[in-house]
C-alpha atoms as a PDB file:
ATOM      1  CA  MET A   1      -2.738  46.328 -31.208  1.00  0.00           C
ATOM      2  CA  SER A   2      -0.316  49.585 -30.282  1.00  0.00           C
ATOM      3  CA  GLU A   3      -0.660  49.344 -26.842  1.00  0.00           C
ATOM      4  CA  ARG A   4       2.452  49.299 -24.624  1.00  0.00           C
ATOM      5  CA  ILE A   5       2.739  46.673 -21.683  1.00  0.00           C
ATOM      6  CA  ALA A   6       5.484  46.061 -19.538  1.00  0.00           C
ATOM      7  CA  LEU A   7       5.773  42.841 -16.725  1.00  0.00           C
ATOM      8  CA  VAL A   8       8.092  44.590 -14.161  1.00  0.00           C
ATOM      9  CA  THR A   9      10.073  42.022 -11.346  1.00  0.00           C
ATOM     10  CA  GLY A  10      10.897  43.544  -8.214  1.00  0.00           C
ATOM     11  CA  GLY A  11       8.457  46.602  -8.982  1.00  0.00           C
ATOM     12  CA  SER A  12       7.444  47.098  -5.487  1.00  0.00           C
ATOM     13  CA  ARG A  13      10.784  49.134  -4.289  1.00  0.00           C
ATOM     14  CA  GLY A  14      14.256  50.538  -5.958  1.00  0.00           C
ATOM     15  CA  LEU A  15      14.868  50.472  -9.398  1.00  0.00           C
ATOM     16  CA  GLY A  16      11.833  48.555 -10.452  1.00  0.00           C
ATOM     17  CA  LYS A  17       9.830  51.102  -8.413  1.00  0.00           C
ATOM     18  CA  ASN A  18      11.629  53.942 -10.304  1.00  0.00           C
ATOM     19  CA  ALA A  19      10.677  51.554 -13.775  1.00  0.00           C
ATOM     20  CA  VAL A  20       7.342  51.023 -12.907  1.00  0.00           C
ATOM     21  CA  LEU A  21       6.548  54.949 -12.208  1.00  0.00           C
ATOM     22  CA  LYS A  22       8.438  56.070 -15.229  1.00  0.00           C
ATOM     23  CA  LEU A  23       6.496  53.307 -17.403  1.00  0.00           C
ATOM     24  CA  ALA A  24       3.236  54.374 -16.515  1.00  0.00           C
ATOM     25  CA  ALA A  25       3.988  57.607 -16.661  1.00  0.00           C
ATOM     26  CA  GLU A  26       4.426  57.267 -20.643  1.00  0.00           C
ATOM     27  CA  GLY A  27       0.899  55.609 -20.265  1.00  0.00           C
ATOM     28  CA  THR A  28       2.907  51.802 -20.658  1.00  0.00           C
ATOM     29  CA  GLY A  29       0.015  49.113 -18.845  1.00  0.00           C
ATOM     30  CA  ILE A  30       1.999  47.625 -15.728  1.00  0.00           C
ATOM     31  CA  THR A  31       1.486  44.087 -14.976  1.00  0.00           C
ATOM     32  CA  LEU A  32       3.665  43.370 -11.464  1.00  0.00           C
ATOM     33  CA  PRO A  33       3.720  39.444 -10.397  1.00  0.00           C
ATOM     34  CA  TRP A  34       2.934  39.078  -6.532  1.00  0.00           C
ATOM     35  CA  ASN A  35       3.814  36.410  -4.563  1.00  0.00           C
ATOM     36  CA  ASN A  36       1.926  36.300  -0.920  1.00  0.00           C
END
């Protein structure tokens, strides 16, 4: 298993969003917790 996966809290805006976009551009799988 060499796939990278990141769990990002606060990924919908601000620094979290920027982190998600950068990680996704590098090919990292992203998991975002969601509260409704």
